[in-house]
Amino acid sequence: AQAKKSIQNSDVEKRVYWVNRAIAIVTELISIVDESQGEVSEYLEGLYNYEITLLTSANIDANVEKLDEVSKVFKGLLEAWRESTNVA
């Protein structure tokens, strides 16, 4: 959301900062994927790497739509995680 706001405000410095923070978070998620879970872990790693690609591209192109796509994916993952763990 902060990166999107930075793009809308034409603030390149903040855009780069917030996108890089998002990339760091996704990179951390990749590092904690439990590879013993087989196809699920492979899927998540691929998905996370694709999201990094989108974030990088959004940063280079100042593209809000790509940030929206990343946000939508992670909102879906959060919802699925909450359902699978019964966390409200």
C-alpha atoms as a PDB file:
ATOM      1  CA  ALA A   1       0.000   0.000   0.000  1.00  0.00           C
ATOM      2  CA  GLN A   2       2.857   2.381   0.817  1.00  0.00           C
ATOM      3  CA  ALA A   3       4.594   1.614  -2.476  1.00  0.00           C
ATOM      4  CA  LYS A   4       1.340   2.245  -4.338  1.00  0.00           C
ATOM      5  CA  LYS A   5       0.890   5.565  -2.547  1.00  0.00           C
ATOM      6  CA  SER A   6       4.478   6.491  -3.437  1.00  0.00           C
ATOM      7  CA  ILE A   7       3.842   5.762  -7.111  1.00  0.00           C
ATOM      8  CA  GLN A   8       0.678   7.854  -7.046  1.00  0.00           C
ATOM      9  CA  ASN A   9       2.655  10.709  -5.421  1.00  0.00           C
ATOM     10  CA  SER A  10       5.571  10.325  -7.879  1.00  0.00           C
ATOM     11  CA  ASP A  11       7.934   9.797  -4.944  1.00  0.00           C
ATOM     12  CA  VAL A  12      10.657   7.617  -6.422  1.00  0.00           C
ATOM     13  CA  GLU A  13      12.725   7.367  -3.247  1.00  0.00           C
ATOM     14  CA  LYS A  14       9.824   6.102  -1.150  1.00  0.00           C
ATOM     15  CA  ARG A  15       8.645   3.808  -3.959  1.00  0.00           C
ATOM     16  CA  VAL A  16      12.025   2.108  -4.089  1.00  0.00           C
ATOM     17  CA  TYR A  17      12.157   1.870  -0.294  1.00  0.00           C
ATOM     18  CA  TRP A  18       8.699   0.284   0.089  1.00  0.00           C
ATOM     19  CA  VAL A  19       9.069  -2.101  -2.838  1.00  0.00           C
ATOM     20  CA  ASN A  20      12.443  -3.237  -1.512  1.00  0.00           C
ATOM     21  CA  ARG A  21      10.878  -3.856   1.905  1.00  0.00           C
ATOM     22  CA  ALA A  22       8.146  -5.948   0.271  1.00  0.00           C
ATOM     23  CA  ILE A  23      10.766  -7.923  -1.650  1.00  0.00           C
ATOM     24  CA  ALA A  24      12.682  -8.528   1.595  1.00  0.00           C
ATOM     25  CA  ILE A  25       9.525  -9.906   3.219  1.00  0.00           C
ATOM     26  CA  VAL A  26       8.831 -12.242   0.308  1.00  0.00           C
ATOM     27  CA  THR A  27      12.462 -13.345   0.313  1.00  0.00           C
ATOM     28  CA  GLU A  28      12.105 -14.220   3.997  1.00  0.00           C
ATOM     29  CA  LEU A  29       8.978 -16.234   3.189  1.00  0.00           C
ATOM     30  CA  ILE A  30      10.953 -18.186   0.595  1.00  0.00           C
ATOM     31  CA  SER A  31      13.648 -18.932   3.150  1.00  0.00           C
ATOM     32  CA  ILE A  32      11.173 -20.493   5.589  1.00  0.00           C
ATOM     33  CA  VAL A  33       9.283 -22.689   3.125  1.00  0.00           C
ATOM     34  CA  ASP A  34       9.336 -26.259   4.437  1.00  0.00           C
ATOM     35  CA  GLU A  35      10.730 -28.171   1.459  1.00  0.00           C
ATOM     36  CA  SER A  36       9.690 -31.474   3.015  1.00  0.00           C
ATOM     37  CA  GLN A  37       6.091 -30.655   2.040  1.00  0.00           C
ATOM     38  CA  GLY A  38       6.686 -31.599  -1.594  1.00  0.00           C
ATOM     39  CA  GLU A  39       4.513 -30.008  -4.269  1.00  0.00           C
ATOM     40  CA  VAL A  40       3.024 -27.416  -1.938  1.00  0.00           C
ATOM     41  CA  SER A  41       6.441 -26.037  -1.056  1.00  0.00           C
ATOM     42  CA  GLU A  42       7.500 -26.041  -4.717  1.00  0.00           C
ATOM     43  CA  TYR A  43       4.313 -24.168  -5.629  1.00  0.00           C
ATOM     44  CA  LEU A  44       4.857 -21.572  -2.894  1.00  0.00           C
ATOM     45  CA  GLU A  45       8.488 -21.015  -3.860  1.00  0.00           C
ATOM     46  CA  GLY A  46       7.476 -20.498  -7.473  1.00  0.00           C
ATOM     47  CA  LEU A  47       4.645 -18.181  -6.497  1.00  0.00           C
ATOM     48  CA  TYR A  48       6.867 -16.138  -4.188  1.00  0.00           C
ATOM     49  CA  ASN A  49       9.536 -15.821  -6.878  1.00  0.00           C
ATOM     50  CA  TYR A  50       6.906 -14.655  -9.358  1.00  0.00           C
ATOM     51  CA  GLU A  51       5.713 -12.053  -6.837  1.00  0.00           C
ATOM     52  CA  ILE A  52       9.294 -10.783  -6.510  1.00  0.00           C
ATOM     53  CA  THR A  53       9.421 -10.477 -10.295  1.00  0.00           C
ATOM     54  CA  LEU A  54       6.172  -8.498 -10.261  1.00  0.00           C
ATOM     55  CA  LEU A  55       7.403  -6.235  -7.471  1.00  0.00           C
ATOM     56  CA  THR A  56      10.653  -5.566  -9.306  1.00  0.00           C
ATOM     57  CA  SER A  57       8.794  -4.804 -12.503  1.00  0.00           C
ATOM     58  CA  ALA A  58       6.322  -2.569 -10.666  1.00  0.00           C
ATOM     59  CA  ASN A  59       9.246  -0.673  -9.199  1.00  0.00           C
ATOM     60  CA  ILE A  60      10.977  -0.186 -12.536  1.00  0.00           C
ATOM     61  CA  ASP A  61       7.790   0.780 -14.394  1.00  0.00           C
ATOM     62  CA  ALA A  62       6.037   2.590 -11.509  1.00  0.00           C
ATOM     63  CA  ASN A  63       3.120   0.255 -12.188  1.00  0.00           C
ATOM     64  CA  VAL A  64       0.289   0.299  -9.649  1.00  0.00           C
ATOM     65  CA  GLU A  65      -1.549  -2.587 -11.351  1.00  0.00           C
ATOM     66  CA  LYS A  66       1.335  -4.962 -10.693  1.00  0.00           C
ATOM     67  CA  LEU A  67       1.363  -3.949  -7.036  1.00  0.00           C
ATOM     68  CA  ASP A  68      -2.379  -4.579  -6.913  1.00  0.00           C
ATOM     69  CA  GLU A  69      -1.823  -8.064  -8.340  1.00  0.00           C
ATOM     70  CA  VAL A  70       0.784  -8.837  -5.666  1.00  0.00           C
ATOM     71  CA  SER A  71      -1.539  -7.548  -2.969  1.00  0.00           C
ATOM     72  CA  LYS A  72      -4.415  -9.677  -4.255  1.00  0.00           C
ATOM     73  CA  VAL A  73      -2.275 -12.830  -4.227  1.00  0.00           C
ATOM     74  CA  PHE A  74      -1.087 -12.271  -0.672  1.00  0.00           C
ATOM     75  CA  LYS A  75      -4.573 -11.452   0.569  1.00  0.00           C
ATOM     76  CA  GLY A  76      -5.696 -14.789  -0.916  1.00  0.00           C
ATOM     77  CA  LEU A  77      -2.807 -16.621   0.751  1.00  0.00           C
ATOM     78  CA  LEU A  78      -3.605 -14.977   4.076  1.00  0.00           C
ATOM     79  CA  GLU A  79      -7.239 -16.010   3.805  1.00  0.00           C
ATOM     80  CA  ALA A  80      -6.265 -19.593   2.962  1.00  0.00           C
ATOM     81  CA  TRP A  81      -3.796 -19.675   5.860  1.00  0.00           C
ATOM     82  CA  ARG A  82      -6.418 -18.384   8.271  1.00  0.00           C
ATOM     83  CA  GLU A  83      -8.913 -21.024   7.110  1.00  0.00           C
ATOM     84  CA  SER A  84      -6.365 -23.815   7.399  1.00  0.00           C
ATOM     85  CA  THR A  85      -5.265 -22.804  10.884  1.00  0.00           C
ATOM     86  CA  ASN A  86      -8.613 -21.590  12.224  1.00  0.00           C
ATOM     87  CA  VAL A  87      -7.098 -18.222  13.087  1.00  0.00           C
ATOM     88  CA  ALA A  88      -9.507 -15.295  13.088  1.00  0.00           C
END
